[in-house]
């Protein structure tokens, strides 16, 4: 790089020298060719000096017919070429591998440091991401209330599902009954026409098909009503069992509540007894202090009289 700058500086100085020569010759010629300023009106005009007949100097290399050497300016300066630029030396892959190895080492060490810092912060509890619900110190009564509330919600959900199932079954039963009623009307019509004047073979087949469907519907309706009755009995049995469990639970809870109240009353009575005992002891100590004070006063009075 320094060689390139040195060569460029030398060529620039050489070009400047030629440029100074050109500027000097051109300026002197222009100064000689200039006309003097006009004299004042009052003074007599003097004749201008004669112009020089000497032709102005030409710029070096300004002649178009002159042949130039490749790589040289018209003034004689030399062009900068790629040979003047700095050239890489040594093995590129070796240098690149060394640099890349250092960069990878810095990257891996930074990643390990960041991961270790995050792990330490999470394990030590300094950084809390609130992934789980924190535990709350509920007592037994509150936990029991939560269980009762959860059971109540579960019972409400089961009741909603039962009502939905009953509505679906009732709608299906009503639809099939309506279709059976329409089929019955059609069957009665065909039977009446058969009794009056006869019916075709297609209508006879339809009549037989309607009769078979009516019998099948009667059997299905009988089984469905029986199933609904058994289902209602089963539900009633489950409700009674739940009511029994609830009554036992309420009874047990009431028993615990009474025991807790009795325990609290007992503890309060013991505390009241301890407070009463402490009060009596304080009163007794106060009376003893008063007696000692009276005794000391009497002795002091007796000593004063004796003295």
Protein backbone atom coordinates (compact mmCIF):
# COMPACT_ATOMS: atom_id res chain seq x y z
CA UNK A 1 0.00 0.00 0.00
CA UNK A 2 2.84 2.37 0.83
CA UNK A 3 4.49 1.61 -2.52
CA UNK A 4 1.26 2.49 -4.27
CA UNK A 5 0.99 5.83 -2.45
CA UNK A 6 4.67 6.63 -3.15
CA UNK A 7 4.32 5.91 -6.88
CA UNK A 8 1.11 7.94 -7.06
CA UNK A 9 2.77 10.86 -5.25
CA UNK A 10 5.72 10.89 -7.65
CA UNK A 11 3.46 10.83 -10.71
CA UNK A 12 1.28 13.56 -9.22
CA UNK A 13 4.30 15.80 -8.56
CA UNK A 14 5.55 15.22 -12.10
CA UNK A 15 2.15 16.18 -13.50
CA UNK A 16 2.03 19.28 -11.27
CA UNK A 17 5.40 20.46 -12.60
CA UNK A 18 4.15 20.25 -16.17
CA UNK A 19 0.95 21.99 -15.13
CA UNK A 20 2.87 24.84 -13.47
CA UNK A 21 4.92 25.37 -16.62
CA UNK A 22 1.75 25.51 -18.69
CA UNK A 23 0.03 27.91 -16.29
CA UNK A 24 3.10 30.20 -16.13
CA UNK A 25 3.43 30.45 -19.91
CA UNK A 26 -0.30 30.95 -20.42
CA UNK A 27 -0.56 33.67 -17.75
CA UNK A 28 2.40 35.62 -19.14
CA UNK A 29 0.91 35.47 -22.61
CA UNK A 30 -2.48 36.65 -21.38
CA UNK A 31 -0.92 39.47 -19.40
CA UNK A 32 0.95 40.60 -22.51
CA UNK A 33 -2.18 40.44 -24.65
CA UNK A 34 -4.35 42.46 -22.25
CA UNK A 35 -5.13 46.10 -23.06
CA UNK A 36 -4.44 48.72 -20.41
CA UNK A 37 -7.37 50.46 -18.72
CA UNK A 38 -8.82 53.58 -20.35
CA UNK A 39 -7.24 56.84 -19.14
CA UNK A 40 -9.37 59.53 -17.54
CA UNK A 41 -11.16 61.94 -19.82
CA UNK A 42 -9.15 64.94 -18.72
CA UNK A 43 -5.79 63.29 -19.41
CA UNK A 44 -4.44 62.70 -22.86
CA UNK A 45 -4.78 59.15 -24.11
CA UNK A 46 -1.49 57.34 -24.54
CA UNK A 47 -1.08 54.83 -27.35
CA UNK A 48 -1.18 51.14 -26.26
CA UNK A 49 2.05 49.20 -26.33
CA UNK A 50 2.64 47.08 -29.37
CA UNK A 51 1.44 43.48 -29.11
CA UNK A 52 3.98 40.72 -29.06
CA UNK A 53 4.23 38.70 -32.22
CA UNK A 54 5.64 35.69 -30.36
CA UNK A 55 3.17 32.76 -30.42
CA UNK A 56 2.07 31.31 -27.03
CA UNK A 57 3.69 28.09 -25.88
CA UNK A 58 1.89 24.86 -26.53
CA UNK A 59 0.79 22.40 -23.84
CA UNK A 60 3.05 19.36 -23.67
CA UNK A 61 1.31 16.51 -25.38
CA UNK A 62 -1.39 18.77 -26.78
CA UNK A 63 -0.58 17.80 -30.32
CA UNK A 64 -3.11 15.28 -31.53
CA UNK A 65 -0.71 13.84 -34.04
CA UNK A 66 1.83 12.97 -31.35
CA UNK A 67 1.79 9.30 -30.42
CA UNK A 68 1.42 8.49 -26.72
CA UNK A 69 2.89 5.55 -24.92
CA UNK A 70 0.39 3.12 -23.42
CA UNK A 71 -0.22 3.89 -19.76
CA UNK A 72 0.93 7.54 -19.91
CA UNK A 73 -0.98 10.84 -19.73
CA UNK A 74 -0.66 13.55 -22.38
CA UNK A 75 1.47 15.55 -19.95
CA UNK A 76 3.83 12.64 -19.50
CA UNK A 77 2.46 11.25 -16.24
CA UNK A 78 2.04 7.49 -15.85
CA UNK A 79 -1.28 5.79 -15.09
CA UNK A 80 -1.79 3.81 -11.86
CA UNK A 81 -2.12 0.09 -12.64
CA UNK A 82 -3.21 -2.97 -10.65
CA UNK A 83 0.41 -3.86 -10.08
CA UNK A 84 0.63 -0.83 -7.77
CA UNK A 85 -2.18 -2.20 -5.53
CA UNK A 86 -1.32 -4.29 -2.43
CA UNK A 87 -1.29 -8.04 -3.06
CA UNK A 88 -2.46 -10.70 -0.55
CA UNK A 89 0.21 -13.00 0.75
CA UNK A 90 0.00 -16.34 2.56
CA UNK A 91 -2.65 -19.09 2.75
CA UNK A 92 -6.17 -17.62 2.81
CA UNK A 93 -7.92 -20.75 4.15
CA UNK A 94 -5.45 -21.09 6.99
CA UNK A 95 -5.96 -17.49 8.10
CA UNK A 96 -9.74 -17.77 7.66
CA UNK A 97 -9.89 -21.00 9.69
CA UNK A 98 -7.91 -19.41 12.51
CA UNK A 99 -10.21 -16.38 12.64
CA UNK A 100 -13.35 -18.52 12.37
CA UNK A 101 -12.10 -20.74 15.20
CA UNK A 102 -11.74 -17.72 17.47
CA UNK A 103 -15.19 -16.45 16.49
CA UNK A 104 -16.78 -19.85 17.17
CA UNK A 105 -15.08 -20.00 20.56
CA UNK A 106 -16.51 -16.59 21.46
CA UNK A 107 -19.98 -17.63 20.25
CA UNK A 108 -20.00 -20.92 22.18
CA UNK A 109 -18.70 -19.31 25.37
CA UNK A 110 -21.36 -16.58 25.13
CA UNK A 111 -24.15 -19.12 24.59
CA UNK A 112 -22.96 -21.24 27.53
CA UNK A 113 -22.72 -18.18 29.76
CA UNK A 114 -26.24 -17.06 28.81
CA UNK A 115 -27.70 -20.54 29.35
CA UNK A 116 -25.92 -20.96 32.68
CA UNK A 117 -27.11 -17.57 33.89
CA UNK A 118 -30.71 -18.33 32.92
CA UNK A 119 -30.59 -21.78 34.53
CA UNK A 120 -29.14 -20.40 37.75
CA UNK A 121 -31.78 -17.65 37.85
CA UNK A 122 -34.60 -20.18 37.40
CA UNK A 123 -33.21 -22.73 39.87
CA UNK A 124 -32.45 -20.18 42.57
CA UNK A 125 -35.88 -18.55 42.34
CA UNK A 126 -34.56 -15.12 41.38
CA UNK A 127 -36.51 -15.26 38.11
CA UNK A 128 -40.10 -16.53 38.33
CA UNK A 129 -41.93 -17.19 35.06
CA UNK A 130 -45.28 -18.07 36.75
CA UNK A 131 -45.54 -21.44 35.03
CA UNK A 132 -47.67 -22.96 37.80
CA UNK A 133 -50.29 -21.74 40.24
CA UNK A 134 -48.67 -20.94 43.58
CA UNK A 135 -49.83 -22.97 46.55
CA UNK A 136 -52.11 -21.20 48.99
CA UNK A 137 -52.27 -22.21 52.67
CA UNK A 138 -55.93 -23.32 52.73
CA UNK A 139 -57.30 -24.79 55.93
CA UNK A 140 -59.48 -27.89 56.22
CA UNK A 141 -62.76 -25.98 56.17
CA UNK A 142 -61.83 -24.11 53.02
CA UNK A 143 -60.70 -27.31 51.30
CA UNK A 144 -64.00 -28.93 52.25
CA UNK A 145 -65.91 -25.95 50.87
CA UNK A 146 -63.98 -26.27 47.61
CA UNK A 147 -64.86 -29.96 47.38
CA UNK A 148 -68.53 -29.22 48.01
CA UNK A 149 -68.52 -26.50 45.35
CA UNK A 150 -66.84 -28.82 42.87
CA UNK A 151 -69.40 -31.54 43.59
CA UNK A 152 -72.24 -29.05 43.15
CA UNK A 153 -70.89 -27.99 39.75
CA UNK A 154 -70.53 -31.62 38.73
CA UNK A 155 -74.12 -32.35 39.74
CA UNK A 156 -75.35 -29.33 37.79
CA UNK A 157 -73.46 -30.52 34.71
CA UNK A 158 -74.94 -34.02 35.04
CA UNK A 159 -78.41 -32.53 35.46
CA UNK A 160 -77.99 -30.44 32.29
CA UNK A 161 -76.84 -33.51 30.36
CA UNK A 162 -79.81 -35.51 31.64
CA UNK A 163 -82.24 -32.77 30.64
CA UNK A 164 -80.68 -32.60 27.18
CA UNK A 165 -80.90 -36.36 26.78
CA UNK A 166 -84.53 -36.38 27.95
CA UNK A 167 -85.38 -33.62 25.47
CA UNK A 168 -83.75 -35.53 22.59
CA UNK A 169 -85.53 -38.75 23.51
CA UNK A 170 -88.87 -36.98 23.94
CA UNK A 171 -88.49 -35.29 20.55
CA UNK A 172 -87.68 -38.60 18.89
CA UNK A 173 -90.65 -40.29 20.58
CA UNK A 174 -93.02 -37.51 19.51
CA UNK A 175 -91.75 -37.61 15.91
CA UNK A 176 -92.18 -41.38 15.67
CA UNK A 177 -95.64 -41.16 17.22
CA UNK A 178 -96.63 -38.49 14.70
CA UNK A 179 -95.37 -40.64 11.83
CA UNK A 180 -97.19 -43.66 13.27
CA UNK A 181 -100.38 -41.60 13.48
CA UNK A 182 -100.05 -40.53 9.85
CA UNK A 183 -99.35 -44.13 8.84
CA UNK A 184 -102.39 -45.25 10.84
CA UNK A 185 -104.60 -42.78 8.99
CA UNK A 186 -103.25 -44.05 5.68
CA UNK A 187 -103.79 -47.65 6.78
CA UNK A 188 -107.40 -46.93 7.81
CA UNK A 189 -108.01 -45.23 4.47
CA UNK A 190 -106.67 -48.21 2.54
CA UNK A 191 -108.68 -50.66 4.64
CA UNK A 192 -111.85 -48.65 4.06
CA UNK A 193 -111.23 -48.57 0.32
CA UNK A 194 -110.55 -52.31 0.37
CA UNK A 195 -113.87 -52.90 2.08
CA UNK A 196 -115.71 -50.60 -0.32
CA UNK A 197 -114.46 -51.57 -3.73
CA UNK A 198 -111.07 -53.18 -3.57
CA UNK A 199 -107.54 -51.88 -3.97
CA UNK A 200 -104.65 -52.51 -6.32
CA UNK A 201 -101.70 -54.81 -5.67
CA UNK A 202 -99.41 -51.86 -4.96
CA UNK A 203 -101.85 -50.46 -2.42
CA UNK A 204 -102.19 -53.94 -0.89
CA UNK A 205 -98.41 -54.14 -0.51
CA UNK A 206 -98.44 -50.67 1.04
CA UNK A 207 -101.17 -51.74 3.45
CA UNK A 208 -99.19 -54.77 4.54
CA UNK A 209 -96.05 -52.64 4.93
CA UNK A 210 -97.96 -50.10 7.06
CA UNK A 211 -99.34 -52.89 9.24
CA UNK A 212 -95.82 -54.28 9.79
CA UNK A 213 -94.50 -50.81 10.64
CA UNK A 214 -97.37 -50.28 13.09
CA UNK A 215 -96.60 -53.52 14.91
CA UNK A 216 -92.87 -52.68 14.99
CA UNK A 217 -93.64 -49.20 16.36
CA UNK A 218 -95.88 -50.64 19.07
CA UNK A 219 -93.11 -52.99 20.17
CA UNK A 220 -90.52 -50.19 20.08
CA UNK A 221 -92.81 -47.82 22.00
CA UNK A 222 -93.41 -50.45 24.65
CA UNK A 223 -89.68 -51.11 25.05
CA UNK A 224 -88.90 -47.38 25.01
CA UNK A 225 -91.44 -46.59 27.71
CA UNK A 226 -90.11 -49.45 29.79
CA UNK A 227 -86.54 -48.20 29.33
CA UNK A 228 -87.52 -44.66 30.28
CA UNK A 229 -89.28 -45.94 33.38
CA UNK A 230 -86.24 -47.97 34.42
CA UNK A 231 -84.00 -45.00 33.68
CA UNK A 232 -86.14 -42.77 35.87
CA UNK A 233 -86.02 -45.34 38.67
CA UNK A 234 -82.25 -45.55 38.37
CA UNK A 235 -81.95 -41.78 38.47
CA UNK A 236 -84.21 -41.61 41.49
CA UNK A 237 -82.06 -44.22 43.21
CA UNK A 238 -78.91 -42.23 42.42
CA UNK A 239 -80.54 -39.05 43.72
CA UNK A 240 -81.47 -40.77 46.96
CA UNK A 241 -77.93 -42.08 47.39
CA UNK A 242 -76.51 -38.64 46.74
CA UNK A 243 -78.97 -37.09 49.16
CA UNK A 244 -77.99 -39.68 51.76
CA UNK A 245 -74.29 -39.00 51.22
CA UNK A 246 -74.93 -35.27 51.39
CA UNK A 247 -76.92 -35.66 54.60
CA UNK A 248 -74.14 -37.73 56.17
CA UNK A 249 -71.57 -35.20 55.02
CA UNK A 250 -73.62 -32.32 56.42
CA UNK A 251 -74.06 -34.24 59.65
CA UNK A 252 -70.33 -34.90 59.86
CA UNK A 253 -69.60 -31.29 59.06
CA UNK A 254 -72.05 -30.10 61.70
CA UNK A 255 -70.42 -32.45 64.18
CA UNK A 256 -66.98 -31.07 63.35
CA UNK A 257 -68.31 -27.55 63.62
CA UNK A 258 -69.75 -28.24 67.07
CA UNK A 259 -66.53 -29.91 68.18
CA UNK A 260 -64.55 -26.96 66.91
CA UNK A 261 -66.86 -24.52 68.68
CA UNK A 262 -66.59 -26.55 71.89
CA UNK A 263 -62.81 -26.59 71.54
CA UNK A 264 -62.76 -22.85 70.98
CA UNK A 265 -65.03 -22.29 73.99
CA UNK A 266 -62.81 -24.52 76.09
CA UNK A 267 -59.70 -22.67 74.99
CA UNK A 268 -61.40 -19.35 75.61
CA UNK A 269 -62.42 -20.51 79.09
CA UNK A 270 -58.87 -21.62 79.82
CA UNK A 271 -57.53 -18.28 78.62
CA UNK A 272 -60.11 -16.46 80.74
CA UNK A 273 -59.15 -18.59 83.72
CA UNK A 274 -55.47 -17.83 83.14
CA UNK A 275 -56.25 -14.12 82.86
CA UNK A 276 -58.28 -14.25 86.10
CA UNK A 277 -55.46 -16.07 87.85
CA UNK A 278 -52.92 -13.53 86.61
CA UNK A 279 -55.20 -10.71 87.75
CA UNK A 280 -55.51 -12.20 91.23
CA UNK A 281 -51.77 -12.66 91.43
CA UNK A 282 -51.25 -9.03 90.45
CA UNK A 283 -53.77 -7.90 93.07
CA UNK A 284 -52.08 -10.08 95.68
CA UNK A 285 -48.68 -8.69 94.78
CA UNK A 286 -50.08 -5.17 94.90
CA UNK A 287 -51.53 -5.78 98.38
CA UNK A 288 -48.24 -7.19 99.60
CA UNK A 289 -46.42 -4.13 98.27
CA UNK A 290 -48.91 -1.88 100.04
CA UNK A 291 -48.45 -3.81 103.31
CA UNK A 292 -44.69 -3.59 103.04
CA UNK A 293 -44.96 0.12 102.32
CA UNK A 294 -47.23 0.66 105.35
CA UNK A 295 -44.86 -1.35 107.52
CA UNK A 296 -41.91 0.67 106.29
CA UNK A 297 -43.81 3.90 106.96
CA UNK A 298 -44.65 2.79 110.51
CA UNK A 299 -41.05 1.86 111.22
CA UNK A 300 -39.88 5.19 109.84
CA UNK A 301 -42.46 7.02 111.97
CA UNK A 302 -41.42 5.04 115.04
CA UNK A 303 -37.75 5.76 114.42
CA UNK A 304 -38.49 9.44 113.94
CA UNK A 305 -40.38 9.61 117.25
CA UNK A 306 -37.64 7.71 119.05
CA UNK A 307 -34.98 10.04 117.67
